[in-house]
Structures are given as structure tokens and as C-alpha cells.
N, C-alpha and C. Protein backbone atom coordinates (compact mmCIF):
# COMPACT_ATOMS: atom_id res chain seq x y z
N MET A 1 -17.55 -18.88 10.60
CA MET A 1 -17.76 -17.77 9.96
C MET A 1 -18.14 -17.86 8.45
N LYS A 2 -19.13 -17.23 8.23
CA LYS A 2 -19.65 -17.38 6.70
C LYS A 2 -18.96 -16.58 6.03
N ASP A 3 -18.64 -16.81 4.85
CA ASP A 3 -17.59 -16.19 3.84
C ASP A 3 -18.73 -15.14 3.23
N GLN A 4 -18.32 -13.83 2.91
CA GLN A 4 -18.95 -13.00 2.31
C GLN A 4 -18.66 -12.83 1.04
N LYS A 5 -19.30 -12.34 -0.01
CA LYS A 5 -19.22 -12.25 -1.12
C LYS A 5 -18.33 -10.79 -1.10
N ILE A 6 -17.01 -10.54 -2.20
CA ILE A 6 -16.45 -9.47 -2.40
C ILE A 6 -17.41 -8.55 -3.02
N LYS A 7 -17.68 -7.19 -2.51
CA LYS A 7 -18.46 -6.28 -3.35
C LYS A 7 -17.39 -5.44 -4.20
N LEU A 8 -17.66 -5.76 -5.50
CA LEU A 8 -16.72 -5.00 -6.30
C LEU A 8 -17.72 -4.17 -7.38
N PHE A 9 -16.99 -3.08 -7.65
CA PHE A 9 -17.68 -1.95 -8.44
C PHE A 9 -16.37 -1.75 -9.73
N LEU A 10 -16.84 -2.18 -10.82
CA LEU A 10 -16.29 -1.91 -12.14
C LEU A 10 -16.69 -0.77 -12.92
N VAL A 11 -15.84 0.17 -13.19
CA VAL A 11 -15.98 1.35 -13.75
C VAL A 11 -15.42 1.66 -15.00
N ASP A 12 -16.29 1.81 -16.37
CA ASP A 12 -15.67 1.77 -17.52
C ASP A 12 -16.37 2.23 -18.61
N ASP A 13 -16.13 3.08 -19.40
CA ASP A 13 -16.91 3.52 -20.39
C ASP A 13 -17.09 2.72 -21.84
N ASP A 14 -15.95 1.71 -21.81
CA ASP A 14 -16.06 0.56 -22.80
C ASP A 14 -16.73 -0.31 -22.45
N ALA A 15 -18.10 -0.33 -23.07
CA ALA A 15 -19.04 -0.92 -22.77
C ALA A 15 -18.69 -2.61 -22.92
N LEU A 16 -18.25 -3.15 -23.83
CA LEU A 16 -17.80 -4.55 -24.31
C LEU A 16 -16.57 -4.84 -23.26
N PHE A 17 -15.72 -4.12 -23.05
CA PHE A 17 -14.81 -4.36 -21.81
C PHE A 17 -15.30 -4.61 -20.50
N LEU A 18 -16.22 -3.59 -20.08
CA LEU A 18 -16.78 -3.64 -18.95
C LEU A 18 -17.59 -5.10 -18.93
N LYS A 19 -18.32 -5.54 -19.74
CA LYS A 19 -19.16 -6.75 -19.51
C LYS A 19 -18.30 -7.88 -19.63
N SER A 20 -17.04 -7.70 -20.67
CA SER A 20 -16.14 -9.16 -20.40
C SER A 20 -15.50 -9.28 -18.97
N LEU A 21 -15.30 -7.88 -18.43
CA LEU A 21 -14.53 -8.10 -17.20
C LEU A 21 -15.46 -8.68 -15.99
N GLU A 22 -16.91 -8.07 -16.01
CA GLU A 22 -18.08 -8.57 -15.26
C GLU A 22 -18.10 -10.25 -15.62
N ILE A 23 -18.27 -10.66 -16.52
CA ILE A 23 -18.42 -11.97 -16.96
C ILE A 23 -17.29 -12.85 -16.23
N GLU A 24 -15.99 -12.45 -16.47
CA GLU A 24 -14.72 -13.11 -16.02
C GLU A 24 -14.71 -13.09 -14.29
N PHE A 25 -15.22 -12.22 -13.83
CA PHE A 25 -15.29 -12.19 -12.31
C PHE A 25 -16.45 -12.97 -11.74
N GLN A 26 -17.57 -12.88 -12.51
CA GLN A 26 -18.55 -13.90 -12.32
C GLN A 26 -18.25 -15.30 -12.29
N LEU A 27 -17.45 -15.65 -13.38
CA LEU A 27 -17.12 -16.89 -13.56
C LEU A 27 -16.05 -17.60 -12.50
N HIS A 28 -14.98 -16.48 -12.02
CA HIS A 28 -13.84 -16.92 -11.32
C HIS A 28 -14.06 -16.63 -10.06
N GLY A 29 -14.98 -16.15 -9.21
CA GLY A 29 -14.96 -15.78 -7.88
C GLY A 29 -16.14 -15.52 -7.31
N ASP A 30 -16.34 -15.02 -6.06
CA ASP A 30 -17.49 -15.07 -5.34
C ASP A 30 -17.74 -13.75 -5.15
N PHE A 31 -18.49 -13.13 -6.20
CA PHE A 31 -18.25 -11.28 -6.14
C PHE A 31 -19.68 -10.71 -6.13
N GLU A 32 -20.03 -9.85 -5.50
CA GLU A 32 -21.09 -9.26 -5.87
C GLU A 32 -20.66 -7.91 -6.70
N ILE A 33 -21.31 -7.82 -7.95
CA ILE A 33 -20.87 -7.15 -8.82
C ILE A 33 -21.39 -5.73 -9.34
N LYS A 34 -21.13 -4.67 -9.13
CA LYS A 34 -22.06 -3.63 -9.82
C LYS A 34 -21.30 -2.85 -10.91
N THR A 35 -21.78 -2.46 -12.06
CA THR A 35 -21.08 -2.06 -13.28
C THR A 35 -21.41 -0.54 -13.41
N PHE A 36 -20.43 0.38 -13.86
CA PHE A 36 -20.99 1.71 -13.91
C PHE A 36 -20.23 2.16 -15.42
N ALA A 37 -20.78 2.99 -16.21
CA ALA A 37 -20.13 3.59 -17.49
C ALA A 37 -19.58 4.86 -17.03
N THR A 38 -19.86 5.58 -15.88
CA THR A 38 -19.10 6.90 -15.80
C THR A 38 -18.73 7.02 -14.22
N GLY A 39 -17.79 7.75 -13.94
CA GLY A 39 -17.43 8.02 -12.69
C GLY A 39 -18.55 8.60 -11.81
N GLU A 40 -19.23 9.35 -12.40
CA GLU A 40 -20.46 10.03 -11.65
C GLU A 40 -21.39 9.16 -11.06
N LEU A 41 -21.79 8.03 -11.94
CA LEU A 41 -22.58 6.90 -11.33
C LEU A 41 -22.13 6.14 -10.29
N CYS A 42 -20.65 5.90 -10.43
CA CYS A 42 -19.89 5.14 -9.23
C CYS A 42 -20.21 5.70 -8.06
N LEU A 43 -19.86 7.08 -8.06
CA LEU A 43 -19.74 8.15 -7.00
C LEU A 43 -21.00 7.71 -6.08
N GLU A 44 -22.23 8.16 -7.01
CA GLU A 44 -23.53 8.13 -6.32
C GLU A 44 -23.82 6.70 -5.57
N SER A 45 -23.05 5.73 -5.76
CA SER A 45 -23.45 4.42 -5.05
C SER A 45 -22.54 4.03 -4.24
N LEU A 46 -21.36 5.15 -3.88
CA LEU A 46 -20.35 4.83 -2.78
C LEU A 46 -20.85 4.45 -1.28
N THR A 47 -22.09 4.77 -1.21
CA THR A 47 -22.63 4.51 0.29
C THR A 47 -22.89 3.03 0.34
N GLU A 48 -22.60 2.25 -0.81
CA GLU A 48 -22.81 0.75 -0.59
C GLU A 48 -21.82 0.06 -0.17
N ASN A 49 -20.56 1.31 -0.01
CA ASN A 49 -19.32 0.66 0.76
C ASN A 49 -18.80 -0.62 -0.24
N PRO A 50 -18.30 -0.40 -1.39
CA PRO A 50 -17.71 -1.68 -2.05
C PRO A 50 -16.44 -1.85 -1.38
N ASP A 51 -16.03 -3.02 -1.61
CA ASP A 51 -14.79 -3.56 -1.02
C ASP A 51 -13.69 -3.20 -2.17
N VAL A 52 -13.76 -3.27 -3.33
CA VAL A 52 -12.91 -2.74 -4.32
C VAL A 52 -13.52 -2.12 -5.24
N VAL A 53 -12.71 -1.13 -5.96
CA VAL A 53 -13.12 -0.31 -7.28
C VAL A 53 -12.07 -0.62 -8.27
N ILE A 54 -12.67 -1.03 -9.39
CA ILE A 54 -11.65 -1.19 -10.56
C ILE A 54 -12.12 -0.08 -11.44
N LEU A 55 -11.34 0.86 -11.77
CA LEU A 55 -11.77 1.98 -12.35
C LEU A 55 -10.92 2.70 -13.87
N ASP A 56 -11.43 2.76 -14.68
CA ASP A 56 -10.91 3.14 -16.05
C ASP A 56 -10.29 4.55 -15.68
N TYR A 57 -9.03 4.58 -16.33
CA TYR A 57 -8.11 6.10 -16.25
C TYR A 57 -9.11 7.08 -17.22
N HIS A 58 -9.64 6.81 -18.41
CA HIS A 58 -10.21 7.98 -18.95
C HIS A 58 -11.54 8.35 -18.91
N LEU A 59 -12.44 7.40 -19.12
CA LEU A 59 -13.95 7.51 -18.66
C LEU A 59 -14.44 8.79 -19.59
N ASP A 60 -14.16 9.04 -20.95
CA ASP A 60 -14.83 9.95 -21.26
C ASP A 60 -15.19 9.56 -22.71
N GLY A 61 -15.51 8.21 -23.07
CA GLY A 61 -15.93 7.82 -24.60
C GLY A 61 -17.36 7.87 -24.65
N ILE A 62 -18.15 7.91 -23.79
CA ILE A 62 -19.43 8.22 -23.95
C ILE A 62 -19.97 9.42 -23.61
N GLU A 63 -19.62 10.21 -22.66
CA GLU A 63 -19.74 11.84 -22.41
C GLU A 63 -18.43 12.63 -22.31
N LYS A 64 -18.06 13.41 -23.10
CA LYS A 64 -16.90 14.16 -23.33
C LYS A 64 -16.85 14.83 -22.19
N SER A 65 -17.94 15.51 -21.39
CA SER A 65 -17.88 16.15 -20.30
C SER A 65 -17.66 15.56 -18.89
N ALA A 66 -17.66 14.12 -18.98
CA ALA A 66 -17.61 13.37 -17.91
C ALA A 66 -16.30 13.54 -16.99
N ILE A 67 -16.33 13.19 -15.88
CA ILE A 67 -15.12 13.41 -15.20
C ILE A 67 -14.19 12.13 -15.30
N ASN A 68 -12.97 12.29 -15.26
CA ASN A 68 -11.90 11.36 -15.70
C ASN A 68 -12.04 10.42 -14.47
N GLY A 69 -11.06 9.27 -14.73
CA GLY A 69 -10.60 8.37 -13.62
C GLY A 69 -9.99 8.82 -12.56
N LEU A 70 -8.98 9.87 -12.81
CA LEU A 70 -8.41 10.44 -11.67
C LEU A 70 -9.34 11.31 -10.94
N GLU A 71 -10.17 12.01 -11.48
CA GLU A 71 -11.03 12.68 -10.52
C GLU A 71 -11.79 11.90 -9.87
N THR A 72 -12.30 10.78 -10.38
CA THR A 72 -13.09 9.96 -9.75
C THR A 72 -12.41 9.25 -8.61
N LEU A 73 -11.26 8.97 -8.92
CA LEU A 73 -10.19 8.29 -7.88
C LEU A 73 -10.27 9.10 -6.56
N ASP A 74 -9.93 10.41 -6.95
CA ASP A 74 -9.76 11.56 -5.77
C ASP A 74 -11.20 11.70 -5.07
N LYS A 75 -12.32 11.44 -5.58
CA LYS A 75 -13.49 11.75 -5.09
C LYS A 75 -13.81 10.56 -4.33
N ILE A 76 -13.55 9.16 -4.49
CA ILE A 76 -13.71 8.25 -3.80
C ILE A 76 -12.82 8.13 -2.74
N LYS A 77 -11.39 8.66 -2.60
CA LYS A 77 -10.67 9.04 -1.49
C LYS A 77 -11.43 9.82 -0.64
N LEU A 78 -11.92 10.75 -1.01
CA LEU A 78 -12.36 11.87 -0.19
C LEU A 78 -13.49 11.16 0.29
N PHE A 79 -14.14 10.11 -0.09
CA PHE A 79 -15.34 9.67 0.47
C PHE A 79 -14.78 8.68 1.65
N ASN A 80 -13.89 7.79 1.14
CA ASN A 80 -13.35 6.78 2.05
C ASN A 80 -12.21 6.52 1.76
N THR A 81 -10.99 6.91 2.49
CA THR A 81 -9.46 6.63 1.87
C THR A 81 -9.31 4.98 2.12
N ASP A 82 -9.96 4.40 2.70
CA ASP A 82 -9.77 2.96 2.68
C ASP A 82 -10.39 2.10 1.68
N ILE A 83 -10.86 2.54 0.61
CA ILE A 83 -11.53 1.65 -0.43
C ILE A 83 -10.55 1.71 -1.40
N PRO A 84 -10.00 0.75 -1.65
CA PRO A 84 -8.88 0.24 -2.43
C PRO A 84 -9.53 0.52 -4.10
N VAL A 85 -8.60 1.20 -4.62
CA VAL A 85 -9.08 1.60 -6.26
C VAL A 85 -7.96 1.07 -7.03
N VAL A 86 -8.17 0.20 -7.80
CA VAL A 86 -7.33 -0.11 -9.11
C VAL A 86 -7.44 0.48 -10.37
N MET A 87 -6.71 0.91 -10.83
CA MET A 87 -6.77 1.82 -12.21
C MET A 87 -6.50 1.02 -13.33
N LEU A 88 -7.42 0.98 -14.41
CA LEU A 88 -7.06 0.28 -15.44
C LEU A 88 -6.96 1.55 -16.65
N SER A 89 -6.10 1.08 -17.69
CA SER A 89 -5.91 2.22 -18.85
C SER A 89 -5.38 1.16 -19.78
N SER A 90 -5.57 1.61 -20.99
CA SER A 90 -5.11 1.28 -22.32
C SER A 90 -3.52 1.41 -22.42
N GLN A 91 -3.31 2.68 -21.90
CA GLN A 91 -2.00 3.25 -21.90
C GLN A 91 -0.84 2.65 -21.20
N ASP A 92 0.28 2.04 -21.95
CA ASP A 92 1.08 1.41 -21.13
C ASP A 92 2.18 2.61 -20.73
N LYS A 93 2.12 3.46 -20.16
CA LYS A 93 2.93 4.65 -20.01
C LYS A 93 3.40 4.75 -18.56
N ILE A 94 4.67 4.99 -18.24
CA ILE A 94 5.15 4.89 -16.86
C ILE A 94 4.62 6.21 -16.12
N GLU A 95 4.26 7.27 -16.64
CA GLU A 95 3.92 8.40 -16.19
C GLU A 95 2.36 8.34 -15.72
N VAL A 96 1.59 7.65 -16.50
CA VAL A 96 0.29 7.29 -16.29
C VAL A 96 0.14 6.52 -14.84
N ALA A 97 1.07 5.39 -14.81
CA ALA A 97 1.19 4.55 -13.69
C ALA A 97 1.69 5.39 -12.36
N VAL A 98 2.26 6.24 -12.55
CA VAL A 98 3.06 7.03 -11.25
C VAL A 98 1.87 8.02 -10.83
N ASN A 99 1.41 8.45 -12.25
CA ASN A 99 0.23 9.70 -11.65
C ASN A 99 -0.98 8.96 -10.99
N CYS A 100 -1.24 7.67 -11.28
CA CYS A 100 -2.36 7.11 -10.46
C CYS A 100 -1.95 6.75 -9.21
N MET A 101 -0.74 6.39 -8.98
CA MET A 101 -0.04 6.17 -7.42
C MET A 101 -0.11 7.42 -6.78
N HIS A 102 0.17 8.61 -7.10
CA HIS A 102 0.34 9.71 -6.59
C HIS A 102 -1.15 10.07 -6.11
N HIS A 103 -2.05 9.83 -6.78
CA HIS A 103 -3.61 9.96 -6.49
C HIS A 103 -3.84 8.96 -5.41
N LYS A 104 -3.16 8.17 -4.90
CA LYS A 104 -3.58 7.08 -3.92
C LYS A 104 -4.16 5.80 -4.74
N ALA A 105 -4.14 5.45 -5.96
CA ALA A 105 -4.42 4.24 -6.46
C ALA A 105 -3.85 2.97 -5.70
N TYR A 106 -4.63 2.14 -5.44
CA TYR A 106 -3.87 0.72 -4.63
C TYR A 106 -3.02 0.18 -5.98
N ASP A 107 -3.18 0.10 -7.09
CA ASP A 107 -2.35 -0.36 -8.40
C ASP A 107 -2.76 0.23 -9.48
N TYR A 108 -2.09 -0.23 -10.73
CA TYR A 108 -2.39 0.12 -12.16
C TYR A 108 -2.37 -1.12 -12.73
N VAL A 109 -3.08 -1.19 -13.99
CA VAL A 109 -3.19 -2.38 -14.80
C VAL A 109 -3.50 -1.94 -16.15
N VAL A 110 -2.68 -2.64 -17.06
CA VAL A 110 -2.71 -2.16 -18.57
C VAL A 110 -3.81 -3.07 -19.01
N LYS A 111 -4.62 -2.52 -19.82
CA LYS A 111 -5.56 -3.35 -20.47
C LYS A 111 -5.25 -4.33 -21.42
N SER A 112 -5.27 -5.58 -21.12
CA SER A 112 -4.33 -6.66 -22.12
C SER A 112 -5.25 -7.77 -21.83
N GLU A 113 -4.84 -8.77 -22.73
CA GLU A 113 -5.33 -10.16 -22.31
C GLU A 113 -5.09 -10.69 -21.17
N THR A 114 -3.82 -10.26 -20.15
CA THR A 114 -3.74 -10.71 -19.12
C THR A 114 -4.32 -9.64 -17.89
N ALA A 115 -4.92 -8.67 -18.33
CA ALA A 115 -5.48 -7.97 -17.36
C ALA A 115 -6.19 -8.45 -16.25
N PHE A 116 -7.39 -9.38 -16.74
CA PHE A 116 -8.07 -10.06 -15.65
C PHE A 116 -7.25 -10.83 -14.46
N MET A 117 -6.02 -11.52 -15.20
CA MET A 117 -5.40 -12.47 -14.11
C MET A 117 -4.63 -11.40 -13.31
N ARG A 118 -4.06 -10.31 -13.63
CA ARG A 118 -3.44 -9.30 -12.97
C ARG A 118 -4.64 -8.81 -11.70
N LEU A 119 -5.78 -8.55 -12.13
CA LEU A 119 -6.84 -7.97 -11.40
C LEU A 119 -7.01 -8.98 -10.30
N GLN A 120 -7.22 -10.37 -10.80
CA GLN A 120 -7.48 -11.13 -9.64
C GLN A 120 -6.45 -11.38 -8.46
N LYS A 121 -5.19 -11.27 -9.17
CA LYS A 121 -3.97 -11.38 -8.21
C LYS A 121 -3.87 -10.20 -7.14
N ILE A 122 -4.16 -9.04 -7.81
CA ILE A 122 -4.21 -7.69 -6.85
C ILE A 122 -5.53 -7.84 -5.82
N ILE A 123 -6.54 -8.29 -6.37
CA ILE A 123 -7.72 -8.27 -5.36
C ILE A 123 -7.30 -9.48 -4.07
N SER A 124 -6.70 -10.41 -4.57
CA SER A 124 -6.46 -11.50 -3.61
C SER A 124 -5.31 -10.73 -2.58
N SER A 125 -4.51 -9.88 -3.28
CA SER A 125 -3.21 -9.26 -2.31
C SER A 125 -3.85 -8.32 -1.21
N ILE A 126 -5.03 -7.59 -1.91
CA ILE A 126 -5.65 -6.55 -1.06
C ILE A 126 -6.35 -7.33 0.42
N PHE A 127 -6.89 -8.62 0.03
CA PHE A 127 -7.46 -9.31 1.10
C PHE A 127 -6.75 -9.88 1.99
N GLN A 128 -5.72 -10.19 1.38
CA GLN A 128 -4.39 -10.85 2.29
C GLN A 128 -3.96 -9.75 3.31
N TYR A 129 -3.73 -8.97 2.56
CA TYR A 129 -3.09 -7.76 3.57
C TYR A 129 -4.10 -7.31 4.48
N ASN A 130 -5.47 -7.03 4.29
CA ASN A 130 -6.39 -6.96 5.17
C ASN A 130 -6.60 -7.90 6.55
N LYS A 131 -6.20 -9.26 6.04
CA LYS A 131 -6.44 -10.20 6.89
C LYS A 131 -5.11 -9.72 8.12
N ILE A 132 -4.14 -9.58 7.37
CA ILE A 132 -2.65 -9.76 8.35
C ILE A 132 -2.82 -8.36 9.12
N GLU A 133 -3.30 -7.21 8.53
CA GLU A 133 -3.52 -5.89 9.26
C GLU A 133 -4.43 -6.09 10.49
N LYS A 134 -5.73 -6.83 10.32
CA LYS A 134 -6.66 -6.85 11.35
C LYS A 134 -5.90 -7.91 12.48
N ALA A 135 -5.22 -8.83 12.01
CA ALA A 135 -4.68 -9.85 12.85
C ALA A 135 -3.60 -9.17 13.76
N LEU A 136 -2.59 -8.03 13.20
CA LEU A 136 -1.95 -7.39 13.70
C LEU A 136 -2.36 -6.51 14.89
N ASN A 137 -3.34 -6.00 14.19
CA ASN A 137 -4.24 -4.78 15.16
C ASN A 137 -4.69 -5.64 16.43
N TRP A 138 -5.46 -6.64 16.16
CA TRP A 138 -6.03 -7.58 17.23
C TRP A 138 -4.93 -7.92 18.25
N TYR A 139 -3.63 -8.20 17.71
CA TYR A 139 -2.62 -8.57 18.53
C TYR A 139 -2.05 -7.37 19.45
N MET A 140 -2.02 -6.40 18.72
CA MET A 140 -1.25 -4.75 19.39
C MET A 140 -2.30 -4.47 20.32
N ASP A 141 -3.77 -4.69 20.29
CA ASP A 141 -4.53 -4.12 21.34
C ASP A 141 -4.63 -5.03 22.54
N ARG A 142 -4.09 -6.10 22.48
CA ARG A 142 -3.86 -6.99 23.87
C ARG A 142 -2.54 -6.82 24.28
N MET A 143 -1.80 -6.07 23.87
CA MET A 143 -0.18 -5.89 24.43
C MET A 143 -0.39 -5.12 25.61
């Protein structure tokens, strides 16, 4: 079986952070990466069925009227509830993390020097979980 690249959408209005994240993923994994500066641009590309979306919480740095990360998250989940979305924020507040979980985010990561390592671990856990779930479903179908 041929390994397929993980299709990763990165959404952040901080161009420098977005570029550094893109470079880190390119250097440390087999990813097909698309980057977006707004939630709206990400939503327009959802038909490409990303495997994972990493989404900034605020998203109003470029355009003040842009939809925020939570609104984008809600619309992604309306499009396909199975797309795992990991929220990113510079805010290290429990209320923000809880709010993201209430909106069905897969996880929440604070922007820091360790953010990339956390994101890598989360993506690994998403795919490990998916493999286990598929194996379990295969087994249950045969019972």
C-alpha cells in the first residue's frame, strides 16, 4: 500500500507564523500543505477534503470584518464533522480552550516555541486513532 501525503490546511492571519509553520511541516513530514490567511479562503477550499485543519482562533489581523476562528470551525464542521480541526491561539486561557472544545475542535494549542512539536504529536494521534477505528469497524463488520 502506497503511503499518501497528509493533506494539511494551515489557517492564520499572521503571515510570519503561518510561513514558519508551513516550513516546519515541510521539513518534518510528508504533507501536502495549503495555507490561508482567512477563514473564508479556507472554507472555499474545503471540497479538497483536508485530512487536518490547523486554525487560528482570532483571524482578524488582516481584515477586521473577517470571520473568526470559531465561526470558521463551525462552518468546517457543518461541511464535514469528521475533519479534525486543531485550534491555535496566542492566548493561554482555559476559557478559550474550553470554548474551542465546545465548538468540536479536536484540540487546542497555544502559540509558543513548542507549538510545532505539540501539533506534530496531535496529528500523529489523529491518524493513530483513525487506524484503530478503521480496524475496529472492519472487525465489527465481520462479527
